[in-house]
Amino acid sequence: MIELSEMISELRGQLASAMADGDGQPVRFELGPVEVEATVAVTREAGAEAKVKLWVVDAGANGKYSQAQTQRIKVTLTPKSVPADGSPAQSVLIAGGEVEGER
């Protein structure tokens, strides 16, 4: 399992890679809202600084985590490109070749 934040970080990296691949291409696409749906295990750490963590569960791993509550969540993200100079965020344009199994 990985933390939900790690999954979103990986998604951010993939989108940044697609943006870089599309730079200078004659055809690019504006990126709209990204919907991510996952089954997560919710765990709570004991101790003075107790924390609740959301772990993304592999489809075949639900039975392994009987100590945790599992939930399905859907998160809609709206990516924006934030320039380093602090000017207003802009819509994101992406491009790239088709990847096998991509939907």
PDB file of N, CA and C in Angstrom:
ATOM      1  N   MET A   1       0.847  -1.182   0.000  1.00  0.00           N
ATOM      2  CA  MET A   1       0.000   0.000   0.000  1.00  0.00           C
ATOM      3  C   MET A   1       0.887   1.238   0.000  1.00  0.00           C
ATOM      4  N   ILE A   2       0.364   2.298  -0.574  1.00  0.00           N
ATOM      5  CA  ILE A   2       1.053   3.589  -0.537  1.00  0.00           C
ATOM      6  C   ILE A   2       0.088   4.614   0.053  1.00  0.00           C
ATOM      7  N   GLU A   3       0.629   5.687   0.595  1.00  0.00           N
ATOM      8  CA  GLU A   3      -0.224   6.740   1.121  1.00  0.00           C
ATOM      9  C   GLU A   3      -0.902   7.471  -0.036  1.00  0.00           C
ATOM     10  N   LEU A   4      -2.093   7.975   0.231  1.00  0.00           N
ATOM     11  CA  LEU A   4      -2.842   8.728  -0.769  1.00  0.00           C
ATOM     12  C   LEU A   4      -2.011   9.899  -1.282  1.00  0.00           C
ATOM     13  N   SER A   5      -1.274  10.559  -0.394  1.00  0.00           N
ATOM     14  CA  SER A   5      -0.448  11.699  -0.810  1.00  0.00           C
ATOM     15  C   SER A   5       0.629  11.280  -1.807  1.00  0.00           C
ATOM     16  N   GLU A   6       1.176  10.059  -1.661  1.00  0.00           N
ATOM     17  CA  GLU A   6       2.172   9.559  -2.604  1.00  0.00           C
ATOM     18  C   GLU A   6       1.541   9.329  -3.978  1.00  0.00           C
ATOM     19  N   MET A   7       0.315   8.802  -3.995  1.00  0.00           N
ATOM     20  CA  MET A   7      -0.375   8.561  -5.254  1.00  0.00           C
ATOM     21  C   MET A   7      -0.616   9.882  -5.985  1.00  0.00           C
ATOM     22  N   ILE A   8      -1.049  10.903  -5.255  1.00  0.00           N
ATOM     23  CA  ILE A   8      -1.302  12.212  -5.867  1.00  0.00           C
ATOM     24  C   ILE A   8       0.009  12.840  -6.328  1.00  0.00           C
ATOM     25  N   SER A   9       1.079  12.643  -5.569  1.00  0.00           N
ATOM     26  CA  SER A   9       2.391  13.152  -5.969  1.00  0.00           C
ATOM     27  C   SER A   9       2.850  12.511  -7.268  1.00  0.00           C
ATOM     28  N   GLU A  10       2.644  11.201  -7.408  1.00  0.00           N
ATOM     29  CA  GLU A  10       3.001  10.503  -8.644  1.00  0.00           C
ATOM     30  C   GLU A  10       2.159  11.016  -9.814  1.00  0.00           C
ATOM     31  N   LEU A  11       0.875  11.246  -9.570  1.00  0.00           N
ATOM     32  CA  LEU A  11       0.001  11.803 -10.603  1.00  0.00           C
ATOM     33  C   LEU A  11       0.509  13.171 -11.037  1.00  0.00           C
ATOM     34  N   ARG A  12       0.907  13.995 -10.079  1.00  0.00           N
ATOM     35  CA  ARG A  12       1.448  15.325 -10.389  1.00  0.00           C
ATOM     36  C   ARG A  12       2.681  15.198 -11.283  1.00  0.00           C
ATOM     37  N   GLY A  13       3.566  14.259 -10.973  1.00  0.00           N
ATOM     38  CA  GLY A  13       4.769  14.037 -11.769  1.00  0.00           C
ATOM     39  C   GLY A  13       4.448  13.601 -13.181  1.00  0.00           C
ATOM     40  N   GLN A  14       3.458  12.717 -13.324  1.00  0.00           N
ATOM     41  CA  GLN A  14       3.063  12.246 -14.649  1.00  0.00           C
ATOM     42  C   GLN A  14       2.472  13.384 -15.479  1.00  0.00           C
ATOM     43  N   LEU A  15       1.676  14.241 -14.843  1.00  0.00           N
ATOM     44  CA  LEU A  15       1.095  15.377 -15.568  1.00  0.00           C
ATOM     45  C   LEU A  15       2.187  16.369 -15.978  1.00  0.00           C
ATOM     46  N   ALA A  16       3.164  16.586 -15.093  1.00  0.00           N
ATOM     47  CA  ALA A  16       4.273  17.490 -15.420  1.00  0.00           C
ATOM     48  C   ALA A  16       5.080  16.932 -16.591  1.00  0.00           C
ATOM     49  N   SER A  17       5.273  15.623 -16.616  1.00  0.00           N
ATOM     50  CA  SER A  17       5.990  14.982 -17.721  1.00  0.00           C
ATOM     51  C   SER A  17       5.226  15.151 -19.031  1.00  0.00           C
ATOM     52  N   ALA A  18       3.918  14.991 -18.987  1.00  0.00           N
ATOM     53  CA  ALA A  18       3.095  15.167 -20.190  1.00  0.00           C
ATOM     54  C   ALA A  18       3.157  16.612 -20.678  1.00  0.00           C
ATOM     55  N   MET A  19       3.180  17.560 -19.742  1.00  0.00           N
ATOM     56  CA  MET A  19       3.293  18.967 -20.133  1.00  0.00           C
ATOM     57  C   MET A  19       4.617  19.212 -20.859  1.00  0.00           C
ATOM     58  N   ALA A  20       5.711  18.676 -20.300  1.00  0.00           N
ATOM     59  CA  ALA A  20       7.029  18.872 -20.900  1.00  0.00           C
ATOM     60  C   ALA A  20       7.092  18.225 -22.275  1.00  0.00           C
ATOM     61  N   ASP A  21       6.487  17.041 -22.424  1.00  0.00           N
ATOM     62  CA  ASP A  21       6.472  16.354 -23.721  1.00  0.00           C
ATOM     63  C   ASP A  21       5.721  17.170 -24.771  1.00  0.00           C
ATOM     64  N   GLY A  22       4.721  17.919 -24.354  1.00  0.00           N
ATOM     65  CA  GLY A  22       3.906  18.682 -25.290  1.00  0.00           C
ATOM     66  C   GLY A  22       4.464  20.049 -25.633  1.00  0.00           C
ATOM     67  N   ASP A  23       5.504  20.483 -24.924  1.00  0.00           N
ATOM     68  CA  ASP A  23       6.066  21.807 -25.163  1.00  0.00           C
ATOM     69  C   ASP A  23       6.533  21.934 -26.611  1.00  0.00           C
ATOM     70  N   GLY A  24       6.030  22.938 -27.297  1.00  0.00           N
ATOM     71  CA  GLY A  24       6.407  23.194 -28.680  1.00  0.00           C
ATOM     72  C   GLY A  24       5.666  22.353 -29.709  1.00  0.00           C
ATOM     73  N   GLN A  25       4.790  21.473 -29.260  1.00  0.00           N
ATOM     74  CA  GLN A  25       4.024  20.643 -30.191  1.00  0.00           C
ATOM     75  C   GLN A  25       2.886  21.461 -30.783  1.00  0.00           C
ATOM     76  N   PRO A  26       2.532  21.205 -32.047  1.00  0.00           N
ATOM     77  CA  PRO A  26       1.463  21.977 -32.676  1.00  0.00           C
ATOM     78  C   PRO A  26       0.074  21.650 -32.109  1.00  0.00           C
ATOM     79  N   VAL A  27      -0.088  20.465 -31.554  1.00  0.00           N
ATOM     80  CA  VAL A  27      -1.379  20.091 -30.967  1.00  0.00           C
ATOM     81  C   VAL A  27      -1.163  19.795 -29.488  1.00  0.00           C
ATOM     82  N   ARG A  28      -1.905  20.508 -28.666  1.00  0.00           N
ATOM     83  CA  ARG A  28      -1.859  20.267 -27.222  1.00  0.00           C
ATOM     84  C   ARG A  28      -3.282  20.252 -26.709  1.00  0.00           C
ATOM     85  N   PHE A  29      -3.461  19.797 -25.499  1.00  0.00           N
ATOM     86  CA  PHE A  29      -4.787  19.674 -24.911  1.00  0.00           C
ATOM     87  C   PHE A  29      -4.819  20.395 -23.586  1.00  0.00           C
ATOM     88  N   GLU A  30      -5.913  21.116 -23.346  1.00  0.00           N
ATOM     89  CA  GLU A  30      -6.085  21.740 -22.038  1.00  0.00           C
ATOM     90  C   GLU A  30      -6.532  20.656 -21.077  1.00  0.00           C
ATOM     91  N   LEU A  31      -5.900  20.611 -19.937  1.00  0.00           N
ATOM     92  CA  LEU A  31      -6.217  19.604 -18.942  1.00  0.00           C
ATOM     93  C   LEU A  31      -7.380  20.084 -18.089  1.00  0.00           C
ATOM     94  N   GLY A  32      -8.439  19.307 -18.066  1.00  0.00           N
ATOM     95  CA  GLY A  32      -9.597  19.635 -17.245  1.00  0.00           C
ATOM     96  C   GLY A  32      -9.476  18.955 -15.891  1.00  0.00           C
ATOM     97  N   PRO A  33     -10.558  18.919 -15.151  1.00  0.00           N
ATOM     98  CA  PRO A  33     -10.530  18.257 -13.845  1.00  0.00           C
ATOM     99  C   PRO A  33     -10.115  16.790 -13.979  1.00  0.00           C
ATOM    100  N   VAL A  34      -9.324  16.323 -13.027  1.00  0.00           N
ATOM    101  CA  VAL A  34      -8.854  14.942 -12.999  1.00  0.00           C
ATOM    102  C   VAL A  34      -9.580  14.246 -11.858  1.00  0.00           C
ATOM    103  N   GLU A  35     -10.289  13.169 -12.173  1.00  0.00           N
ATOM    104  CA  GLU A  35     -10.994  12.415 -11.141  1.00  0.00           C
ATOM    105  C   GLU A  35     -10.185  11.178 -10.788  1.00  0.00           C
ATOM    106  N   VAL A  36      -9.918  11.012  -9.509  1.00  0.00           N
ATOM    107  CA  VAL A  36      -9.171   9.872  -9.008  1.00  0.00           C
ATOM    108  C   VAL A  36     -10.085   9.121  -8.062  1.00  0.00           C
ATOM    109  N   GLU A  37     -10.277   7.839  -8.337  1.00  0.00           N
ATOM    110  CA  GLU A  37     -11.101   7.021  -7.459  1.00  0.00           C
ATOM    111  C   GLU A  37     -10.229   5.895  -6.927  1.00  0.00           C
ATOM    112  N   ALA A  38     -10.248   5.672  -5.628  1.00  0.00           N
ATOM    113  CA  ALA A  38      -9.405   4.649  -5.029  1.00  0.00           C
ATOM    114  C   ALA A  38     -10.101   4.049  -3.818  1.00  0.00           C
ATOM    115  N   THR A  39      -9.710   2.830  -3.496  1.00  0.00           N
ATOM    116  CA  THR A  39     -10.119   2.221  -2.232  1.00  0.00           C
ATOM    117  C   THR A  39      -8.985   2.488  -1.265  1.00  0.00           C
ATOM    118  N   VAL A  40      -9.314   3.050  -0.125  1.00  0.00           N
ATOM    119  CA  VAL A  40      -8.289   3.388   0.849  1.00  0.00           C
ATOM    120  C   VAL A  40      -8.558   2.670   2.162  1.00  0.00           C
ATOM    121  N   ALA A  41      -7.464   2.353   2.865  1.00  0.00           N
ATOM    122  CA  ALA A  41      -7.558   1.821   4.212  1.00  0.00           C
ATOM    123  C   ALA A  41      -7.304   2.993   5.140  1.00  0.00           C
ATOM    124  N   VAL A  42      -8.160   3.160   6.111  1.00  0.00           N
ATOM    125  CA  VAL A  42      -8.026   4.252   7.071  1.00  0.00           C
ATOM    126  C   VAL A  42      -7.453   3.666   8.352  1.00  0.00           C
ATOM    127  N   THR A  43      -6.268   4.142   8.739  1.00  0.00           N
ATOM    128  CA  THR A  43      -5.641   3.657   9.963  1.00  0.00           C
ATOM    129  C   THR A  43      -5.401   4.823  10.908  1.00  0.00           C
ATOM    130  N   ARG A  44      -5.372   4.511  12.173  1.00  0.00           N
ATOM    131  CA  ARG A  44      -5.099   5.535  13.193  1.00  0.00           C
ATOM    132  C   ARG A  44      -3.903   5.069  14.006  1.00  0.00           C
ATOM    133  N   GLU A  45      -2.890   5.935  14.112  1.00  0.00           N
ATOM    134  CA  GLU A  45      -1.721   5.630  14.912  1.00  0.00           C
ATOM    135  C   GLU A  45      -1.998   6.014  16.355  1.00  0.00           C
ATOM    136  N   ALA A  46      -1.544   5.176  17.264  1.00  0.00           N
ATOM    137  CA  ALA A  46      -1.716   5.467  18.687  1.00  0.00           C
ATOM    138  C   ALA A  46      -0.552   6.325  19.165  1.00  0.00           C
ATOM    139  N   GLY A  47      -0.711   6.916  20.327  1.00  0.00           N
ATOM    140  CA  GLY A  47       0.364   7.705  20.920  1.00  0.00           C
ATOM    141  C   GLY A  47      -0.052   9.141  21.150  1.00  0.00           C
ATOM    142  N   ALA A  48       0.909   9.915  21.637  1.00  0.00           N
ATOM    143  CA  ALA A  48       0.641  11.308  21.983  1.00  0.00           C
ATOM    144  C   ALA A  48       0.241  12.136  20.765  1.00  0.00           C
ATOM    145  N   GLU A  49       0.860  11.858  19.628  1.00  0.00           N
ATOM    146  CA  GLU A  49       0.544  12.599  18.406  1.00  0.00           C
ATOM    147  C   GLU A  49      -0.176  11.674  17.435  1.00  0.00           C
ATOM    148  N   ALA A  50      -1.340  11.196  17.821  1.00  0.00           N
ATOM    149  CA  ALA A  50      -2.103  10.257  17.000  1.00  0.00           C
ATOM    150  C   ALA A  50      -2.444  10.873  15.654  1.00  0.00           C
ATOM    151  N   LYS A  51      -2.310  10.077  14.604  1.00  0.00           N
ATOM    152  CA  LYS A  51      -2.597  10.541  13.252  1.00  0.00           C
ATOM    153  C   LYS A  51      -3.506   9.551  12.555  1.00  0.00           C
ATOM    154  N   VAL A  52      -4.322  10.057  11.648  1.00  0.00           N
ATOM    155  CA  VAL A  52      -5.128   9.214  10.779  1.00  0.00           C
ATOM    156  C   VAL A  52      -4.463   9.259   9.410  1.00  0.00           C
ATOM    157  N   LYS A  53      -4.266   8.077   8.791  1.00  0.00           N
ATOM    158  CA  LYS A  53      -3.638   8.016   7.474  1.00  0.00           C
ATOM    159  C   LYS A  53      -4.558   7.292   6.511  1.00  0.00           C
ATOM    160  N   LEU A  54      -4.503   7.721   5.251  1.00  0.00           N
ATOM    161  CA  LEU A  54      -5.244   7.072   4.174  1.00  0.00           C
ATOM    162  C   LEU A  54      -4.235   6.358   3.286  1.00  0.00           C
ATOM    163  N   TRP A  55      -4.378   5.048   3.177  1.00  0.00           N
ATOM    164  CA  TRP A  55      -3.493   4.225   2.368  1.00  0.00           C
ATOM    165  C   TRP A  55      -4.265   3.713   1.166  1.00  0.00           C
ATOM    166  N   VAL A  56      -3.709   3.851  -0.042  1.00  0.00           N
ATOM    167  CA  VAL A  56      -4.354   3.321  -1.238  1.00  0.00           C
ATOM    168  C   VAL A  56      -4.149   1.813  -1.235  1.00  0.00           C
ATOM    169  N   VAL A  57      -5.260   1.075  -1.384  1.00  0.00           N
ATOM    170  CA  VAL A  57      -5.237  -0.378  -1.290  1.00  0.00           C
ATOM    171  C   VAL A  57      -5.202  -0.989  -2.684  1.00  0.00           C
ATOM    172  N   ASP A  58      -4.311  -1.954  -2.880  1.00  0.00           N
ATOM    173  CA  ASP A  58      -4.268  -2.736  -4.116  1.00  0.00           C
ATOM    174  C   ASP A  58      -5.558  -3.532  -4.200  1.00  0.00           C
ATOM    175  N   ALA A  59      -6.102  -3.680  -5.394  1.00  0.00           N
ATOM    176  CA  ALA A  59      -7.396  -4.343  -5.586  1.00  0.00           C
ATOM    177  C   ALA A  59      -7.451  -5.719  -4.929  1.00  0.00           C
ATOM    178  N   GLY A  60      -6.357  -6.470  -4.937  1.00  0.00           N
ATOM    179  CA  GLY A  60      -6.361  -7.814  -4.372  1.00  0.00           C
ATOM    180  C   GLY A  60      -5.955  -7.871  -2.918  1.00  0.00           C
ATOM    181  N   ALA A  61      -5.711  -6.738  -2.276  1.00  0.00           N
ATOM    182  CA  ALA A  61      -5.142  -6.742  -0.937  1.00  0.00           C
ATOM    183  C   ALA A  61      -6.144  -6.458   0.176  1.00  0.00           C
ATOM    184  N   ASN A  62      -7.424  -6.253  -0.141  1.00  0.00           N
ATOM    185  CA  ASN A  62      -8.394  -5.869   0.889  1.00  0.00           C
ATOM    186  C   ASN A  62      -8.412  -6.810   2.082  1.00  0.00           C
ATOM    187  N   GLY A  63      -8.293  -8.125   1.854  1.00  0.00           N
ATOM    188  CA  GLY A  63      -8.339  -9.089   2.949  1.00  0.00           C
ATOM    189  C   GLY A  63      -7.165  -9.005   3.884  1.00  0.00           C
ATOM    190  N   LYS A  64      -6.054  -8.448   3.456  1.00  0.00           N
ATOM    191  CA  LYS A  64      -4.842  -8.372   4.273  1.00  0.00           C
ATOM    192  C   LYS A  64      -4.928  -7.307   5.359  1.00  0.00           C
ATOM    193  N   TYR A  65      -5.836  -6.398   5.266  1.00  0.00           N
ATOM    194  CA  TYR A  65      -5.866  -5.265   6.168  1.00  0.00           C
ATOM    195  C   TYR A  65      -7.143  -5.243   6.999  1.00  0.00           C
ATOM    196  N   SER A  66      -7.393  -6.345   7.667  1.00  0.00           N
ATOM    197  CA  SER A  66      -8.628  -6.455   8.435  1.00  0.00           C
ATOM    198  C   SER A  66      -8.635  -5.528   9.647  1.00  0.00           C
ATOM    199  N   GLN A  67      -7.458  -5.047  10.071  1.00  0.00           N
ATOM    200  CA  GLN A  67      -7.371  -4.130  11.205  1.00  0.00           C
ATOM    201  C   GLN A  67      -7.755  -2.697  10.823  1.00  0.00           C
ATOM    202  N   ALA A  68      -7.854  -2.436   9.523  1.00  0.00           N
ATOM    203  CA  ALA A  68      -8.148  -1.079   9.059  1.00  0.00           C
ATOM    204  C   ALA A  68      -9.535  -1.043   8.438  1.00  0.00           C
ATOM    205  N   GLN A  69     -10.164   0.113   8.490  1.00  0.00           N
ATOM    206  CA  GLN A  69     -11.433   0.336   7.805  1.00  0.00           C
ATOM    207  C   GLN A  69     -11.115   0.698   6.358  1.00  0.00           C
ATOM    208  N   THR A  70     -11.850   0.112   5.418  1.00  0.00           N
ATOM    209  CA  THR A  70     -11.628   0.494   4.023  1.00  0.00           C
ATOM    210  C   THR A  70     -12.814   1.308   3.527  1.00  0.00           C
ATOM    211  N   GLN A  71     -12.503   2.289   2.704  1.00  0.00           N
ATOM    212  CA  GLN A  71     -13.507   3.189   2.136  1.00  0.00           C
ATOM    213  C   GLN A  71     -13.150   3.439   0.680  1.00  0.00           C
ATOM    214  N   ARG A  72     -14.157   3.690  -0.140  1.00  0.00           N
ATOM    215  CA  ARG A  72     -13.912   4.154  -1.509  1.00  0.00           C
ATOM    216  C   ARG A  72     -14.049   5.663  -1.493  1.00  0.00           C
ATOM    217  N   ILE A  73     -13.072   6.331  -2.078  1.00  0.00           N
ATOM    218  CA  ILE A  73     -13.145   7.782  -2.156  1.00  0.00           C
ATOM    219  C   ILE A  73     -12.952   8.218  -3.600  1.00  0.00           C
ATOM    220  N   LYS A  74     -13.503   9.350  -3.929  1.00  0.00           N
ATOM    221  CA  LYS A  74     -13.340   9.945  -5.252  1.00  0.00           C
ATOM    222  C   LYS A  74     -12.909  11.386  -5.025  1.00  0.00           C
ATOM    223  N   VAL A  75     -11.787  11.752  -5.623  1.00  0.00           N
ATOM    224  CA  VAL A  75     -11.235  13.091  -5.471  1.00  0.00           C
ATOM    225  C   VAL A  75     -11.178  13.723  -6.852  1.00  0.00           C
ATOM    226  N   THR A  76     -11.693  14.931  -6.991  1.00  0.00           N
ATOM    227  CA  THR A  76     -11.602  15.668  -8.248  1.00  0.00           C
ATOM    228  C   THR A  76     -10.569  16.771  -8.064  1.00  0.00           C
ATOM    229  N   LEU A  77      -9.527  16.720  -8.886  1.00  0.00           N
ATOM    230  CA  LEU A  77      -8.440  17.697  -8.824  1.00  0.00           C
ATOM    231  C   LEU A  77      -8.508  18.574 -10.070  1.00  0.00           C
ATOM    232  N   THR A  78      -8.281  19.862  -9.917  1.00  0.00           N
ATOM    233  CA  THR A  78      -8.244  20.778 -11.054  1.00  0.00           C
ATOM    234  C   THR A  78      -6.826  21.321 -11.157  1.00  0.00           C
ATOM    235  N   PRO A  79      -5.995  20.724 -12.001  1.00  0.00           N
ATOM    236  CA  PRO A  79      -4.596  21.131 -12.116  1.00  0.00           C
ATOM    237  C   PRO A  79      -4.450  22.547 -12.664  1.00  0.00           C
ATOM    238  N   LYS A  80      -3.515  23.278 -12.114  1.00  0.00           N
ATOM    239  CA  LYS A  80      -3.161  24.616 -12.582  1.00  0.00           C
ATOM    240  C   LYS A  80      -1.651  24.712 -12.625  1.00  0.00           C
ATOM    241  N   SER A  81      -1.125  25.436 -13.579  1.00  0.00           N
ATOM    242  CA  SER A  81       0.304  25.697 -13.673  1.00  0.00           C
ATOM    243  C   SER A  81       0.587  27.011 -12.956  1.00  0.00           C
ATOM    244  N   VAL A  82       1.456  26.957 -11.947  1.00  0.00           N
ATOM    245  CA  VAL A  82       1.770  28.145 -11.166  1.00  0.00           C
ATOM    246  C   VAL A  82       3.167  28.626 -11.549  1.00  0.00           C
ATOM    247  N   PRO A  83       3.264  29.774 -12.241  1.00  0.00           N
ATOM    248  CA  PRO A  83       4.572  30.296 -12.647  1.00  0.00           C
ATOM    249  C   PRO A  83       5.447  30.636 -11.437  1.00  0.00           C
ATOM    250  N   ALA A  84       6.752  30.466 -11.598  1.00  0.00           N
ATOM    251  CA  ALA A  84       7.699  30.730 -10.510  1.00  0.00           C
ATOM    252  C   ALA A  84       7.692  32.188 -10.077  1.00  0.00           C
ATOM    253  N   ASP A  85       7.301  33.098 -10.975  1.00  0.00           N
ATOM    254  CA  ASP A  85       7.323  34.526 -10.639  1.00  0.00           C
ATOM    255  C   ASP A  85       6.121  34.968  -9.807  1.00  0.00           C
ATOM    256  N   GLY A  86       5.229  34.019  -9.488  1.00  0.00           N
ATOM    257  CA  GLY A  86       4.079  34.353  -8.652  1.00  0.00           C
ATOM    258  C   GLY A  86       2.894  34.921  -9.400  1.00  0.00           C
ATOM    259  N   SER A  87       2.979  35.013 -10.724  1.00  0.00           N
ATOM    260  CA  SER A  87       1.834  35.512 -11.488  1.00  0.00           C
ATOM    261  C   SER A  87       0.685  34.494 -11.398  1.00  0.00           C
ATOM    262  N   PRO A  88      -0.518  34.890 -11.780  1.00  0.00           N
ATOM    263  CA  PRO A  88      -1.683  34.015 -11.610  1.00  0.00           C
ATOM    264  C   PRO A  88      -1.520  32.643 -12.280  1.00  0.00           C
ATOM    265  N   ALA A  89      -2.125  31.648 -11.661  1.00  0.00           N
ATOM    266  CA  ALA A  89      -2.096  30.281 -12.188  1.00  0.00           C
ATOM    267  C   ALA A  89      -2.773  30.237 -13.545  1.00  0.00           C
ATOM    268  N   GLN A  90      -2.308  29.322 -14.385  1.00  0.00           N
ATOM    269  CA  GLN A  90      -2.832  29.187 -15.743  1.00  0.00           C
ATOM    270  C   GLN A  90      -3.349  27.769 -15.957  1.00  0.00           C
ATOM    271  N   SER A  91      -4.215  27.614 -16.956  1.00  0.00           N
ATOM    272  CA  SER A  91      -4.661  26.280 -17.346  1.00  0.00           C
ATOM    273  C   SER A  91      -3.463  25.487 -17.841  1.00  0.00           C
ATOM    274  N   VAL A  92      -3.533  24.190 -17.702  1.00  0.00           N
ATOM    275  CA  VAL A  92      -2.434  23.313 -18.085  1.00  0.00           C
ATOM    276  C   VAL A  92      -2.695  22.724 -19.462  1.00  0.00           C
ATOM    277  N   LEU A  93      -1.688  22.727 -20.320  1.00  0.00           N
ATOM    278  CA  LEU A  93      -1.775  22.111 -21.635  1.00  0.00           C
ATOM    279  C   LEU A  93      -0.875  20.889 -21.656  1.00  0.00           C
ATOM    280  N   ILE A  94      -1.409  19.770 -22.141  1.00  0.00           N
ATOM    281  CA  ILE A  94      -0.621  18.541 -22.213  1.00  0.00           C
ATOM    282  C   ILE A  94      -0.668  17.965 -23.613  1.00  0.00           C
ATOM    283  N   ALA A  95       0.282  17.113 -23.922  1.00  0.00           N
ATOM    284  CA  ALA A  95       0.311  16.365 -25.179  1.00  0.00           C
ATOM    285  C   ALA A  95       1.167  15.139 -24.953  1.00  0.00           C
ATOM    286  N   GLY A  96       1.048  14.203 -25.822  1.00  0.00           N
ATOM    287  CA  GLY A  96       1.864  13.000 -25.717  1.00  0.00           C
ATOM    288  C   GLY A  96       1.256  11.897 -26.542  1.00  0.00           C
ATOM    289  N   GLY A  97       2.037  10.872 -26.758  1.00  0.00           N
ATOM    290  CA  GLY A  97       1.565   9.742 -27.536  1.00  0.00           C
ATOM    291  C   GLY A  97       0.644   8.861 -26.719  1.00  0.00           C
ATOM    292  N   GLU A  98      -0.113   8.053 -27.422  1.00  0.00           N
ATOM    293  CA  GLU A  98      -1.012   7.121 -26.767  1.00  0.00           C
ATOM    294  C   GLU A  98      -0.200   6.029 -26.092  1.00  0.00           C
ATOM    295  N   VAL A  99      -0.600   5.659 -24.890  1.00  0.00           N
ATOM    296  CA  VAL A  99       0.063   4.615 -24.129  1.00  0.00           C
ATOM    297  C   VAL A  99      -0.841   3.400 -24.113  1.00  0.00           C
ATOM    298  N   GLU A 100      -0.245   2.208 -24.322  1.00  0.00           N
ATOM    299  CA  GLU A 100      -1.047   0.978 -24.353  1.00  0.00           C
ATOM    300  C   GLU A 100      -1.852   0.836 -23.067  1.00  0.00           C
ATOM    301  N   GLY A 101      -3.136   0.539 -23.204  1.00  0.00           N
ATOM    302  CA  GLY A 101      -4.010   0.376 -22.051  1.00  0.00           C
ATOM    303  C   GLY A 101      -4.594   1.670 -21.523  1.00  0.00           C
ATOM    304  N   GLU A 102      -4.215   2.790 -22.098  1.00  0.00           N
ATOM    305  CA  GLU A 102      -4.701   4.096 -21.656  1.00  0.00           C
ATOM    306  C   GLU A 102      -6.157   4.266 -22.044  1.00  0.00           C
ATOM    307  N   ARG A 103      -6.938   4.881 -21.169  1.00  0.00           N
ATOM    308  CA  ARG A 103      -8.336   5.153 -21.466  1.00  0.00           C
ATOM    309  C   ARG A 103      -8.611   6.618 -21.365  1.00  0.00           C
TER     310      ARG A 103
END
